[in-house]
């Protein structure tokens, strides 16, 4: 998962550096930014992008926290090879504190809060009063908070969480109905009047992409 660490001179790492540069110009007036990352369907590379975006920001000297708020299907524990008895599922019911739940990763400046044990009422937990309090606490200690959410086309959690985010990134995959994803994203943005919205496009053919490496191709653009 951590290609920006294991393949630092690769084209794909350079593409994530480009994303990092773009993020500096999105909501430039906000000191500590909450970056929400979602998609319209699973399997498009959403968590992969969340982890590597967070890692490349950390490598640029920023203090970064990844919050795993996909409580339905967590992946970050395996991807980063970390574990904890605490996570968002315990934080949101008041059974753990941020200090107990934040884990340091192998990347300097990059911390993570895992999803924790999968609860039966995952979507309802996001309505907890503990969530805005947690985000306010983390904004005092981090330059960027990356929020990894479930696919919006399947579960509405990401839309609920957008009221807290400063920048919203939508992952598209050219092999999984990107036009459908674009139409879906356009509808969501229009109907909910969401601003500071951008795309990361996965699996772009080489002739359309400046950066590419071993099957992973990314471009970036604002809506």
Protein backbone atom coordinates (compact mmCIF):
# COMPACT_ATOMS: atom_id res chain seq x y z
CA UNK A 1 0.00 0.00 0.00
CA UNK A 2 2.70 2.52 0.94
CA UNK A 3 4.20 3.05 -2.50
CA UNK A 4 5.31 6.60 -1.67
CA UNK A 5 7.63 5.06 0.92
CA UNK A 6 8.79 1.90 -0.85
CA UNK A 7 9.04 3.46 -4.34
CA UNK A 8 10.13 7.01 -3.62
CA UNK A 9 11.55 7.69 -7.09
CA UNK A 10 8.69 6.12 -9.03
CA UNK A 11 6.25 7.94 -11.29
CA UNK A 12 3.32 7.05 -9.03
CA UNK A 13 5.02 8.70 -6.05
CA UNK A 14 5.55 11.79 -8.17
CA UNK A 15 1.83 11.81 -8.94
CA UNK A 16 1.05 11.84 -5.22
CA UNK A 17 3.46 14.76 -4.85
CA UNK A 18 1.33 16.53 -7.44
CA UNK A 19 -1.75 15.83 -5.33
CA UNK A 20 0.07 17.24 -2.30
CA UNK A 21 0.79 20.46 -4.21
CA UNK A 22 -2.84 20.77 -5.31
CA UNK A 23 -4.06 20.32 -1.74
CA UNK A 24 -1.97 23.28 -0.62
CA UNK A 25 -4.05 25.52 -2.91
CA UNK A 26 -7.42 24.11 -1.87
CA UNK A 27 -8.83 25.97 1.15
CA UNK A 28 -5.55 27.91 1.60
CA UNK A 29 -7.08 30.05 4.34
CA UNK A 30 -7.66 27.03 6.59
CA UNK A 31 -4.68 26.17 8.79
CA UNK A 32 -5.64 22.60 9.69
CA UNK A 33 -7.54 20.87 6.88
CA UNK A 34 -9.91 17.93 7.07
CA UNK A 35 -9.65 16.02 3.77
CA UNK A 36 -12.54 13.60 3.16
CA UNK A 37 -11.92 10.82 0.64
CA UNK A 38 -14.75 8.74 -0.84
CA UNK A 39 -15.94 7.05 -4.05
CA UNK A 40 -19.15 5.84 -5.62
CA UNK A 41 -18.28 2.12 -5.37
CA UNK A 42 -15.75 -0.20 -3.71
CA UNK A 43 -12.58 -1.46 -5.37
CA UNK A 44 -11.49 1.80 -7.01
CA UNK A 45 -8.44 2.45 -4.80
CA UNK A 46 -10.00 4.74 -2.18
CA UNK A 47 -8.06 3.48 0.84
CA UNK A 48 -4.88 3.20 -1.23
CA UNK A 49 -5.22 6.89 -2.11
CA UNK A 50 -6.06 7.86 1.48
CA UNK A 51 -2.95 6.17 2.85
CA UNK A 52 -0.53 7.44 0.20
CA UNK A 53 -1.94 10.97 0.22
CA UNK A 54 -1.48 11.05 3.99
CA UNK A 55 2.03 9.60 3.72
CA UNK A 56 3.21 12.03 1.03
CA UNK A 57 1.92 14.98 3.09
CA UNK A 58 3.80 13.64 6.12
CA UNK A 59 6.98 13.26 4.06
CA UNK A 60 6.61 16.93 3.16
CA UNK A 61 6.95 17.84 6.83
CA UNK A 62 3.25 18.12 7.69
CA UNK A 63 1.71 16.48 10.75
CA UNK A 64 -0.95 14.12 9.40
CA UNK A 65 -3.64 11.95 10.98
CA UNK A 66 -5.60 9.37 9.00
CA UNK A 67 -9.00 8.62 10.53
CA UNK A 68 -10.61 5.41 9.31
CA UNK A 69 -14.32 6.11 9.26
CA UNK A 70 -15.25 3.23 6.99
CA UNK A 71 -16.61 1.28 9.94
CA UNK A 72 -18.27 -1.25 7.64
CA UNK A 73 -15.16 -2.64 5.94
CA UNK A 74 -11.87 -1.56 7.47
CA UNK A 75 -8.58 -2.09 5.61
CA UNK A 76 -6.07 0.32 7.07
CA UNK A 77 -4.96 -1.98 9.90
CA UNK A 78 -3.75 -4.56 7.38
CA UNK A 79 -2.40 -1.97 4.94
CA UNK A 80 -0.22 -0.21 7.52
CA UNK A 81 0.52 -3.32 9.60
CA UNK A 82 -0.68 -1.74 12.84
CA UNK A 83 -3.15 -2.87 15.47
CA UNK A 84 -4.95 -1.52 18.52
CA UNK A 85 -7.70 -2.51 20.94
CA UNK A 86 -9.16 0.95 20.44
CA UNK A 87 -10.46 2.79 17.38
CA UNK A 88 -13.32 4.90 16.09
CA UNK A 89 -15.91 2.35 17.22
CA UNK A 90 -14.77 2.79 20.85
CA UNK A 91 -14.13 6.53 20.55
CA UNK A 92 -17.63 7.26 19.26
CA UNK A 93 -19.27 5.55 22.23
CA UNK A 94 -16.95 7.18 24.76
CA UNK A 95 -15.08 3.98 25.65
CA UNK A 96 -11.65 5.31 24.70
CA UNK A 97 -9.84 8.64 24.44
CA UNK A 98 -7.99 10.12 21.43
CA UNK A 99 -4.70 9.58 23.26
CA UNK A 100 -5.46 5.86 23.61
CA UNK A 101 -6.65 5.50 20.03
CA UNK A 102 -4.01 7.37 18.00
CA UNK A 103 -1.27 5.08 16.66
CA UNK A 104 2.09 6.12 15.27
CA UNK A 105 2.97 4.55 11.94
CA UNK A 106 6.33 3.71 10.38
CA UNK A 107 6.18 7.05 8.51
CA UNK A 108 7.46 10.04 10.47
CA UNK A 109 4.69 12.60 11.14
CA UNK A 110 1.95 10.12 10.10
CA UNK A 111 -0.50 8.83 12.74
CA UNK A 112 -3.70 6.86 12.35
CA UNK A 113 -6.91 6.06 14.20
CA UNK A 114 -8.23 2.68 13.06
CA UNK A 115 -11.90 1.85 12.64
CA UNK A 116 -11.79 -0.61 15.53
CA UNK A 117 -14.15 -3.53 15.89
CA UNK A 118 -16.99 -3.42 13.36
CA UNK A 119 -20.14 -2.29 15.20
CA UNK A 120 -23.68 -3.38 14.26
CA UNK A 121 -24.83 0.27 14.09
CA UNK A 122 -21.91 1.80 12.17
CA UNK A 123 -23.83 4.56 10.40
CA UNK A 124 -25.64 5.64 13.58
CA UNK A 125 -22.32 5.97 15.43
CA UNK A 126 -21.36 8.83 13.10
CA UNK A 127 -24.11 10.91 14.71
CA UNK A 128 -22.31 10.72 18.06
CA UNK A 129 -21.41 13.97 19.80
CA UNK A 130 -17.95 12.52 20.31
CA UNK A 131 -17.12 12.94 16.60
CA UNK A 132 -17.08 16.77 16.33
CA UNK A 133 -15.23 16.91 19.65
CA UNK A 134 -12.60 14.49 18.30
CA UNK A 135 -12.15 16.49 15.10
CA UNK A 136 -11.72 19.74 17.02
CA UNK A 137 -9.15 18.05 19.24
CA UNK A 138 -7.16 16.67 16.29
CA UNK A 139 -7.21 19.99 14.39
CA UNK A 140 -5.20 21.49 17.23
CA UNK A 141 -2.43 18.92 16.75
CA UNK A 142 -2.32 18.13 13.02
CA UNK A 143 -1.93 20.04 9.75
CA UNK A 144 -4.02 17.53 7.81
CA UNK A 145 -6.69 15.05 8.90
CA UNK A 146 -7.43 12.49 6.18
CA UNK A 147 -10.87 10.90 6.65
CA UNK A 148 -11.32 7.61 4.81
CA UNK A 149 -15.05 6.95 4.33
CA UNK A 150 -17.23 4.21 2.80
CA UNK A 151 -18.23 4.40 -0.90
CA UNK A 152 -20.94 7.04 -1.13
CA UNK A 153 -22.81 5.18 -3.83
CA UNK A 154 -23.52 2.34 -1.39
CA UNK A 155 -23.65 3.98 2.05
CA UNK A 156 -24.52 7.59 2.88
CA UNK A 157 -21.91 7.96 5.65
CA UNK A 158 -19.58 10.16 3.56
CA UNK A 159 -22.36 12.67 2.89
CA UNK A 160 -23.04 12.92 6.62
CA UNK A 161 -19.33 13.51 7.28
CA UNK A 162 -18.97 16.24 4.63
CA UNK A 163 -20.36 18.81 7.03
CA UNK A 164 -17.02 18.54 8.86
CA UNK A 165 -14.65 18.44 5.87
CA UNK A 166 -12.73 21.32 4.29
CA UNK A 167 -11.82 19.47 1.07
CA UNK A 168 -13.62 16.50 -0.51
CA UNK A 169 -11.84 14.10 -2.87
CA UNK A 170 -13.71 11.58 -4.99
CA UNK A 171 -11.86 8.52 -6.35
CA UNK A 172 -12.70 7.33 -9.85
CA UNK A 173 -11.39 4.24 -11.63
CA UNK A 174 -11.34 4.09 -15.42
CA UNK A 175 -12.05 0.35 -15.32
CA UNK A 176 -15.18 0.71 -13.18
CA UNK A 177 -17.70 2.91 -14.98
CA UNK A 178 -16.00 6.30 -14.51
CA UNK A 179 -18.80 8.14 -16.34
CA UNK A 180 -21.28 6.70 -13.89
CA UNK A 181 -19.04 7.90 -11.07
CA UNK A 182 -18.77 11.38 -12.58
CA UNK A 183 -22.54 11.65 -12.96
CA UNK A 184 -23.03 10.46 -9.40
CA UNK A 185 -20.45 12.92 -8.03
CA UNK A 186 -21.98 15.79 -10.04
CA UNK A 187 -25.42 15.00 -8.60
CA UNK A 188 -24.12 14.87 -5.04
CA UNK A 189 -22.15 18.12 -5.40
CA UNK A 190 -25.03 19.97 -7.08
CA UNK A 191 -27.81 18.78 -4.78
CA UNK A 192 -25.84 19.37 -1.60
CA UNK A 193 -23.97 22.52 -2.72
CA UNK A 194 -20.58 21.06 -1.87
CA UNK A 195 -17.53 23.17 -2.64
CA UNK A 196 -13.77 22.47 -2.59
CA UNK A 197 -14.32 19.21 -4.43
CA UNK A 198 -11.76 17.33 -6.51
CA UNK A 199 -11.09 14.01 -8.26
CA UNK A 200 -8.30 11.46 -8.17
CA UNK A 201 -8.56 9.23 -11.23
CA UNK A 202 -7.11 5.73 -11.04
CA UNK A 203 -6.07 3.48 -13.96
CA UNK A 204 -5.73 6.22 -16.57
CA UNK A 205 -4.07 4.91 -19.73
CA UNK A 206 -0.50 6.05 -20.20
CA UNK A 207 -1.18 8.28 -23.17
CA UNK A 208 -3.57 10.38 -21.04
CA UNK A 209 -1.43 10.55 -17.92
CA UNK A 210 1.79 12.34 -17.18
CA UNK A 211 2.57 10.01 -14.27
CA UNK A 212 2.31 6.23 -14.40
CA UNK A 213 3.92 3.19 -12.80
CA UNK A 214 3.25 -0.55 -13.07
CA UNK A 215 -0.47 -0.37 -13.66
CA UNK A 216 -1.29 2.34 -11.14
CA UNK A 217 -2.03 5.61 -12.94
CA UNK A 218 -3.37 8.75 -11.33
CA UNK A 219 -4.40 12.19 -12.44
CA UNK A 220 -5.88 14.96 -10.36
CA UNK A 221 -8.29 17.80 -11.04
CA UNK A 222 -10.70 20.14 -9.37
CA UNK A 223 -14.37 20.46 -10.23
